[in-house]
Amino acid sequence: MEPQNNERLPLELSSQLVSIMTTEHYTLQTGRSMTIAEANGRSSLFVGAVSSGLVALAFVGQLSHSHELRNEVVEELIPNRVGENCAELDAPSREMAETEG
């Protein structure tokens, strides 16, 4: 007995569905890995900036006998750089929220 045409159709749809789902999964995984890589890059940049700022502050503290220079560095330089880096660190989550919303 030969199979009818309507019996083969669900198998073809099933393979098409698997192909569609595989492609969609691959696309979503690629987007996820790109977001994670960007967040890792931004966080390593932030940690590098903070550590270099602390090293610079230590150099200023060792070389400066004046409290005015140390206070100027602490009050002006460090809060500005940390604030900029925190804004950059939060950028991937903002971009993700904009694309979803």
Foldseek 3Di string as FASTA:
>chain_A
DDDDPVVCVVVVVVVVVVVVVVVVVVVVVVVVVVLVVQLVVLVVVLVVVVVVLVVVLVVCVVVDPDVVVSVCSVVPPVVVVNVVSVVSNCVSVVVVVVVVD
